[in-house]
PDB file of all heavy atoms in Angstrom:
ATOM      1  N   LEU A   1     183.101 149.469 110.549  1.00  0.00           N
ATOM      2  CA  LEU A   1     182.846 148.751 109.306  1.00  0.00           C
ATOM      3  C   LEU A   1     183.781 147.558 109.115  1.00  0.00           C
ATOM      4  O   LEU A   1     183.944 147.063 107.998  1.00  0.00           O
ATOM      5  CB  LEU A   1     182.910 149.702 108.085  1.00  0.00           C
ATOM      6  CG  LEU A   1     184.107 150.663 107.943  1.00  0.00           C
ATOM      7  CD1 LEU A   1     185.417 149.989 107.763  1.00  0.00           C
ATOM      8  CD2 LEU A   1     183.843 151.630 106.814  1.00  0.00           C
ATOM      9  N   ILE A   2     184.364 147.079 110.202  1.00  0.00           N
ATOM     10  CA  ILE A   2     185.403 146.048 110.096  1.00  0.00           C
ATOM     11  C   ILE A   2     184.895 144.810 109.346  1.00  0.00           C
ATOM     12  O   ILE A   2     185.607 144.237 108.515  1.00  0.00           O
ATOM     13  CB  ILE A   2     185.975 145.681 111.496  1.00  0.00           C
ATOM     14  CG1 ILE A   2     187.255 144.835 111.355  1.00  0.00           C
ATOM     15  CG2 ILE A   2     184.928 145.015 112.378  1.00  0.00           C
ATOM     16  CD1 ILE A   2     188.449 145.603 110.915  1.00  0.00           C
ATOM     17  N   ASP A   3     183.649 144.405 109.605  1.00  0.00           N
ATOM     18  CA  ASP A   3     183.121 143.200 108.955  1.00  0.00           C
ATOM     19  C   ASP A   3     182.765 143.427 107.481  1.00  0.00           C
ATOM     20  O   ASP A   3     182.599 142.480 106.721  1.00  0.00           O
ATOM     21  CB  ASP A   3     181.888 142.687 109.700  1.00  0.00           C
ATOM     22  CG  ASP A   3     182.256 142.010 111.013  1.00  0.00           C
ATOM     23  OD1 ASP A   3     183.376 141.466 111.107  1.00  0.00           O
ATOM     24  OD2 ASP A   3     181.434 142.032 111.947  1.00  0.00           O
ATOM     25  N   GLU A   4     182.615 144.691 107.103  1.00  0.00           N
ATOM     26  CA  GLU A   4     182.179 145.011 105.746  1.00  0.00           C
ATOM     27  C   GLU A   4     183.341 145.308 104.799  1.00  0.00           C
ATOM     28  O   GLU A   4     183.121 145.563 103.605  1.00  0.00           O
ATOM     29  CB  GLU A   4     181.218 146.213 105.758  1.00  0.00           C
ATOM     30  CG  GLU A   4     179.896 145.936 106.401  1.00  0.00           C
ATOM     31  CD  GLU A   4     179.936 145.868 107.919  1.00  0.00           C
ATOM     32  OE1 GLU A   4     180.353 146.856 108.551  1.00  0.00           O
ATOM     33  OE2 GLU A   4     179.590 144.824 108.484  1.00  0.00           O
ATOM     34  N   LEU A   5     184.564 145.269 105.288  1.00  0.00           N
ATOM     35  CA  LEU A   5     185.689 145.658 104.441  1.00  0.00           C
ATOM     36  C   LEU A   5     185.878 144.775 103.199  1.00  0.00           C
ATOM     37  O   LEU A   5     186.232 145.284 102.140  1.00  0.00           O
ATOM     38  CB  LEU A   5     186.982 145.744 105.261  1.00  0.00           C
ATOM     39  CG  LEU A   5     187.088 147.049 106.096  1.00  0.00           C
ATOM     40  CD1 LEU A   5     188.261 146.990 107.055  1.00  0.00           C
ATOM     41  CD2 LEU A   5     187.201 148.280 105.197  1.00  0.00           C
ATOM     42  N   PRO A   6     185.649 143.449 103.266  1.00  0.00           N
ATOM     43  CA  PRO A   6     185.772 142.678 102.021  1.00  0.00           C
ATOM     44  C   PRO A   6     184.826 143.156 100.913  1.00  0.00           C
ATOM     45  O   PRO A   6     185.229 143.262  99.743  1.00  0.00           O
ATOM     46  CB  PRO A   6     185.449 141.239 102.462  1.00  0.00           C
ATOM     47  CG  PRO A   6     185.855 141.202 103.903  1.00  0.00           C
ATOM     48  CD  PRO A   6     185.489 142.545 104.437  1.00  0.00           C
ATOM     49  N   ILE A   7     183.575 143.454 101.260  1.00  0.00           N
ATOM     50  CA  ILE A   7     182.626 143.900 100.227  1.00  0.00           C
ATOM     51  C   ILE A   7     182.936 145.339  99.806  1.00  0.00           C
ATOM     52  O   ILE A   7     182.736 145.711  98.633  1.00  0.00           O
ATOM     53  CB  ILE A   7     181.154 143.706 100.670  1.00  0.00           C
ATOM     54  CG1 ILE A   7     180.196 143.893  99.489  1.00  0.00           C
ATOM     55  CG2 ILE A   7     180.764 144.618 101.821  1.00  0.00           C
ATOM     56  CD1 ILE A   7     180.297 142.861  98.426  1.00  0.00           C
ATOM     57  N   ILE A   8     183.441 146.165 100.730  1.00  0.00           N
ATOM     58  CA  ILE A   8     183.884 147.514 100.352  1.00  0.00           C
ATOM     59  C   ILE A   8     185.043 147.415  99.354  1.00  0.00           C
ATOM     60  O   ILE A   8     185.127 148.181  98.391  1.00  0.00           O
ATOM     61  CB  ILE A   8     184.284 148.335 101.599  1.00  0.00           C
ATOM     62  CG1 ILE A   8     183.035 148.684 102.414  1.00  0.00           C
ATOM     63  CG2 ILE A   8     185.034 149.612 101.204  1.00  0.00           C
ATOM     64  CD1 ILE A   8     183.336 149.297 103.770  1.00  0.00           C
ATOM     65  N   ALA A   9     185.939 146.444  99.582  1.00  0.00           N
ATOM     66  CA  ALA A   9     187.064 146.238  98.657  1.00  0.00           C
ATOM     67  C   ALA A   9     186.557 145.902  97.258  1.00  0.00           C
ATOM     68  O   ALA A   9     187.087 146.388  96.254  1.00  0.00           O
ATOM     69  CB  ALA A   9     187.983 145.139  99.172  1.00  0.00           C
ATOM     70  N   LEU A  10     185.513 145.073  97.189  1.00  0.00           N
ATOM     71  CA  LEU A  10     184.925 144.762  95.878  1.00  0.00           C
ATOM     72  C   LEU A  10     184.371 146.031  95.231  1.00  0.00           C
ATOM     73  O   LEU A  10     184.599 146.273  94.039  1.00  0.00           O
ATOM     74  CB  LEU A  10     183.819 143.717  96.019  1.00  0.00           C
ATOM     75  CG  LEU A  10     183.019 143.443  94.730  1.00  0.00           C
ATOM     76  CD1 LEU A  10     183.924 142.875  93.633  1.00  0.00           C
ATOM     77  CD2 LEU A  10     181.841 142.516  94.995  1.00  0.00           C
ATOM     78  N   ALA A  11     183.644 146.845  95.993  1.00  0.00           N
ATOM     79  CA  ALA A  11     183.115 148.107  95.453  1.00  0.00           C
ATOM     80  C   ALA A  11     184.250 148.958  94.886  1.00  0.00           C
ATOM     81  O   ALA A  11     184.133 149.559  93.812  1.00  0.00           O
ATOM     82  CB  ALA A  11     182.360 148.876  96.541  1.00  0.00           C
ATOM     83  N   ALA A  12     185.373 148.962  95.604  1.00  0.00           N
ATOM     84  CA  ALA A  12     186.519 149.785  95.194  1.00  0.00           C
ATOM     85  C   ALA A  12     187.130 149.316  93.867  1.00  0.00           C
ATOM     86  O   ALA A  12     187.685 150.119  93.120  1.00  0.00           O
ATOM     87  CB  ALA A  12     187.568 149.794  96.294  1.00  0.00           C
ATOM     88  N   THR A  13     186.999 148.003  93.559  1.00  0.00           N
ATOM     89  CA  THR A  13     187.539 147.511  92.273  1.00  0.00           C
ATOM     90  C   THR A  13     186.796 148.116  91.092  1.00  0.00           C
ATOM     91  O   THR A  13     187.305 148.139  89.969  1.00  0.00           O
ATOM     92  CB  THR A  13     187.478 145.972  92.153  1.00  0.00           C
ATOM     93  OG1 THR A  13     186.088 145.538  92.045  1.00  0.00           O
ATOM     94  CG2 THR A  13     188.156 145.284  93.321  1.00  0.00           C
ATOM     95  N   GLN A  14     185.567 148.620  91.330  1.00  0.00           N
ATOM     96  CA  GLN A  14     184.741 149.188  90.261  1.00  0.00           C
ATOM     97  C   GLN A  14     184.673 150.716  90.351  1.00  0.00           C
ATOM     98  O   GLN A  14     183.973 151.357  89.560  1.00  0.00           O
ATOM     99  CB  GLN A  14     183.323 148.602  90.318  1.00  0.00           C
ATOM    100  CG  GLN A  14     183.275 147.070  90.276  1.00  0.00           C
ATOM    101  CD  GLN A  14     184.015 146.504  89.078  1.00  0.00           C
ATOM    102  OE1 GLN A  14     183.679 146.794  87.945  1.00  0.00           O
ATOM    103  NE2 GLN A  14     185.052 145.694  89.318  1.00  0.00           N
ATOM    104  N   ALA A  15     185.374 151.296  91.315  1.00  0.00           N
ATOM    105  CA  ALA A  15     185.337 152.746  91.514  1.00  0.00           C
ATOM    106  C   ALA A  15     186.455 153.419  90.721  1.00  0.00           C
ATOM    107  O   ALA A  15     187.500 152.819  90.447  1.00  0.00           O
ATOM    108  CB  ALA A  15     185.472 153.066  93.001  1.00  0.00           C
ATOM    109  N   GLU A  16     186.237 154.680  90.428  1.00  0.00           N
ATOM    110  CA  GLU A  16     187.220 155.456  89.663  1.00  0.00           C
ATOM    111  C   GLU A  16     188.348 155.916  90.587  1.00  0.00           C
ATOM    112  O   GLU A  16     188.107 156.662  91.526  1.00  0.00           O
ATOM    113  CB  GLU A  16     186.534 156.690  89.038  1.00  0.00           C
ATOM    114  CG  GLU A  16     187.302 157.357  87.904  1.00  0.00           C
ATOM    115  CD  GLU A  16     187.450 156.499  86.668  1.00  0.00           C
ATOM    116  OE1 GLU A  16     186.454 155.907  86.189  1.00  0.00           O
ATOM    117  OE2 GLU A  16     188.592 156.452  86.183  1.00  0.00           O
ATOM    118  N   GLY A  17     189.583 155.407  90.335  1.00  0.00           N
ATOM    119  CA  GLY A  17     190.730 155.826  91.135  1.00  0.00           C
ATOM    120  C   GLY A  17     191.235 154.723  92.056  1.00  0.00           C
ATOM    121  O   GLY A  17     190.797 153.569  91.992  1.00  0.00           O
ATOM    122  N   THR A  18     192.152 155.088  92.943  1.00  0.00           N
ATOM    123  CA  THR A  18     192.799 154.125  93.848  1.00  0.00           C
ATOM    124  C   THR A  18     192.266 154.305  95.265  1.00  0.00           C
ATOM    125  O   THR A  18     192.373 155.380  95.854  1.00  0.00           O
ATOM    126  CB  THR A  18     194.329 154.312  93.836  1.00  0.00           C
ATOM    127  OG1 THR A  18     194.802 154.055  92.505  1.00  0.00           O
ATOM    128  CG2 THR A  18     195.012 153.344  94.793  1.00  0.00           C
ATOM    129  N   THR A  19     191.677 153.247  95.816  1.00  0.00           N
ATOM    130  CA  THR A  19     191.162 153.244  97.187  1.00  0.00           C
ATOM    131  C   THR A  19     192.219 152.645  98.112  1.00  0.00           C
ATOM    132  O   THR A  19     192.809 151.606  97.801  1.00  0.00           O
ATOM    133  CB  THR A  19     189.860 152.435  97.280  1.00  0.00           C
ATOM    134  OG1 THR A  19     188.844 153.112  96.515  1.00  0.00           O
ATOM    135  CG2 THR A  19     189.384 152.281  98.722  1.00  0.00           C
ATOM    136  N   VAL A  20     192.439 153.315  99.245  1.00  0.00           N
ATOM    137  CA  VAL A  20     193.414 152.832 100.233  1.00  0.00           C
ATOM    138  C   VAL A  20     192.682 152.554 101.547  1.00  0.00           C
ATOM    139  O   VAL A  20     191.953 153.412 102.056  1.00  0.00           O
ATOM    140  CB  VAL A  20     194.537 153.873 100.458  1.00  0.00           C
ATOM    141  CG1 VAL A  20     195.537 153.348 101.489  1.00  0.00           C
ATOM    142  CG2 VAL A  20     195.248 154.195  99.143  1.00  0.00           C
ATOM    143  N   ILE A  21     192.875 151.334 102.086  1.00  0.00           N
ATOM    144  CA  ILE A  21     192.320 150.949 103.389  1.00  0.00           C
ATOM    145  C   ILE A  21     193.487 150.751 104.359  1.00  0.00           C
ATOM    146  O   ILE A  21     194.401 149.969 104.084  1.00  0.00           O
ATOM    147  CB  ILE A  21     191.490 149.654 103.279  1.00  0.00           C
ATOM    148  CG1 ILE A  21     190.314 149.854 102.309  1.00  0.00           C
ATOM    149  CG2 ILE A  21     190.981 149.225 104.659  1.00  0.00           C
ATOM    150  CD1 ILE A  21     189.549 148.574 101.987  1.00  0.00           C
ATOM    151  N   ARG A  22     193.470 151.486 105.480  1.00  0.00           N
ATOM    152  CA  ARG A  22     194.525 151.377 106.501  1.00  0.00           C
ATOM    153  C   ARG A  22     193.909 151.036 107.857  1.00  0.00           C
ATOM    154  O   ARG A  22     192.705 151.146 108.053  1.00  0.00           O
ATOM    155  CB  ARG A  22     195.288 152.707 106.630  1.00  0.00           C
ATOM    156  CG  ARG A  22     196.029 153.172 105.389  1.00  0.00           C
ATOM    157  CD  ARG A  22     196.952 154.340 105.727  1.00  0.00           C
ATOM    158  NE  ARG A  22     197.550 154.914 104.528  1.00  0.00           N
ATOM    159  CZ  ARG A  22     197.021 155.906 103.831  1.00  0.00           C
ATOM    160  NH1 ARG A  22     195.884 156.469 104.246  1.00  0.00           N
ATOM    161  NH2 ARG A  22     197.625 156.369 102.745  1.00  0.00           N
ATOM    162  N   ASP A  23     194.794 150.675 108.815  1.00  0.00           N
ATOM    163  CA  ASP A  23     194.405 150.468 110.221  1.00  0.00           C
ATOM    164  C   ASP A  23     193.441 149.296 110.414  1.00  0.00           C
ATOM    165  O   ASP A  23     192.673 149.254 111.377  1.00  0.00           O
ATOM    166  CB  ASP A  23     193.782 151.748 110.830  1.00  0.00           C
ATOM    167  CG  ASP A  23     194.688 152.960 110.705  1.00  0.00           C
ATOM    168  OD1 ASP A  23     195.909 152.804 110.894  1.00  0.00           O
ATOM    169  OD2 ASP A  23     194.175 154.062 110.395  1.00  0.00           O
ATOM    170  N   ALA A  24     193.493 148.338 109.481  1.00  0.00           N
ATOM    171  CA  ALA A  24     192.537 147.226 109.528  1.00  0.00           C
ATOM    172  C   ALA A  24     193.213 145.909 109.919  1.00  0.00           C
ATOM    173  O   ALA A  24     192.822 144.840 109.448  1.00  0.00           O
ATOM    174  CB  ALA A  24     191.840 147.098 108.176  1.00  0.00           C
ATOM    175  N   GLN A  25     194.217 145.971 110.805  1.00  0.00           N
ATOM    176  CA  GLN A  25     194.945 144.764 111.219  1.00  0.00           C
ATOM    177  C   GLN A  25     194.010 143.693 111.785  1.00  0.00           C
ATOM    178  O   GLN A  25     194.290 142.502 111.705  1.00  0.00           O
ATOM    179  CB  GLN A  25     195.998 145.085 112.304  1.00  0.00           C
ATOM    180  CG  GLN A  25     196.876 146.149 112.163  1.00  0.00           C
ATOM    181  CD  GLN A  25     196.450 147.539 112.518  1.00  0.00           C
ATOM    182  OE1 GLN A  25     195.346 147.911 112.208  1.00  0.00           O
ATOM    183  NE2 GLN A  25     197.331 148.307 113.155  1.00  0.00           N
ATOM    184  N   GLU A  26     192.881 144.153 112.373  1.00  0.00           N
ATOM    185  CA  GLU A  26     191.931 143.237 113.002  1.00  0.00           C
ATOM    186  C   GLU A  26     191.406 142.201 112.000  1.00  0.00           C
ATOM    187  O   GLU A  26     190.996 141.094 112.381  1.00  0.00           O
ATOM    188  CB  GLU A  26     190.782 144.057 113.600  1.00  0.00           C
ATOM    189  CG  GLU A  26     189.878 143.339 114.541  1.00  0.00           C
ATOM    190  CD  GLU A  26     190.504 142.882 115.838  1.00  0.00           C
ATOM    191  OE1 GLU A  26     191.663 143.230 116.123  1.00  0.00           O
ATOM    192  OE2 GLU A  26     189.819 142.138 116.541  1.00  0.00           O
ATOM    193  N   LEU A  27     191.425 142.550 110.706  1.00  0.00           N
ATOM    194  CA  LEU A  27     190.940 141.619 109.681  1.00  0.00           C
ATOM    195  C   LEU A  27     191.774 140.341 109.608  1.00  0.00           C
ATOM    196  O   LEU A  27     191.326 139.335 109.064  1.00  0.00           O
ATOM    197  CB  LEU A  27     190.955 142.296 108.305  1.00  0.00           C
ATOM    198  CG  LEU A  27     189.822 143.281 107.988  1.00  0.00           C
ATOM    199  CD1 LEU A  27     189.986 143.834 106.597  1.00  0.00           C
ATOM    200  CD2 LEU A  27     188.464 142.634 108.139  1.00  0.00           C
ATOM    201  N   LYS A  28     192.983 140.401 110.148  1.00  0.00           N
ATOM    202  CA  LYS A  28     193.866 139.228 110.059  1.00  0.00           C
ATOM    203  C   LYS A  28     193.453 138.117 111.012  1.00  0.00           C
ATOM    204  O   LYS A  28     193.900 136.983 110.875  1.00  0.00           O
ATOM    205  CB  LYS A  28     195.317 139.642 110.352  1.00  0.00           C
ATOM    206  CG  LYS A  28     195.923 140.536 109.274  1.00  0.00           C
ATOM    207  CD  LYS A  28     197.375 140.843 109.583  1.00  0.00           C
ATOM    208  CE  LYS A  28     198.044 141.617 108.460  1.00  0.00           C
ATOM    209  NZ  LYS A  28     199.457 141.897 108.723  1.00  0.00           N
ATOM    210  N   VAL A  29     192.621 138.455 112.022  1.00  0.00           N
ATOM    211  CA  VAL A  29     192.267 137.453 113.036  1.00  0.00           C
ATOM    212  C   VAL A  29     190.767 137.174 113.045  1.00  0.00           C
ATOM    213  O   VAL A  29     190.171 136.851 114.065  1.00  0.00           O
ATOM    214  CB  VAL A  29     192.757 137.864 114.450  1.00  0.00           C
ATOM    215  CG1 VAL A  29     194.270 137.817 114.514  1.00  0.00           C
ATOM    216  CG2 VAL A  29     192.242 139.243 114.835  1.00  0.00           C
TER     217      VAL A  29
END
């Protein structure tokens, strides 16, 4: 889901609680 993480992050802003995304260093490049 590497390409979908930005939109997943948006979903998480509207979700109940704290979402943590790890191991996604690839997003930096």
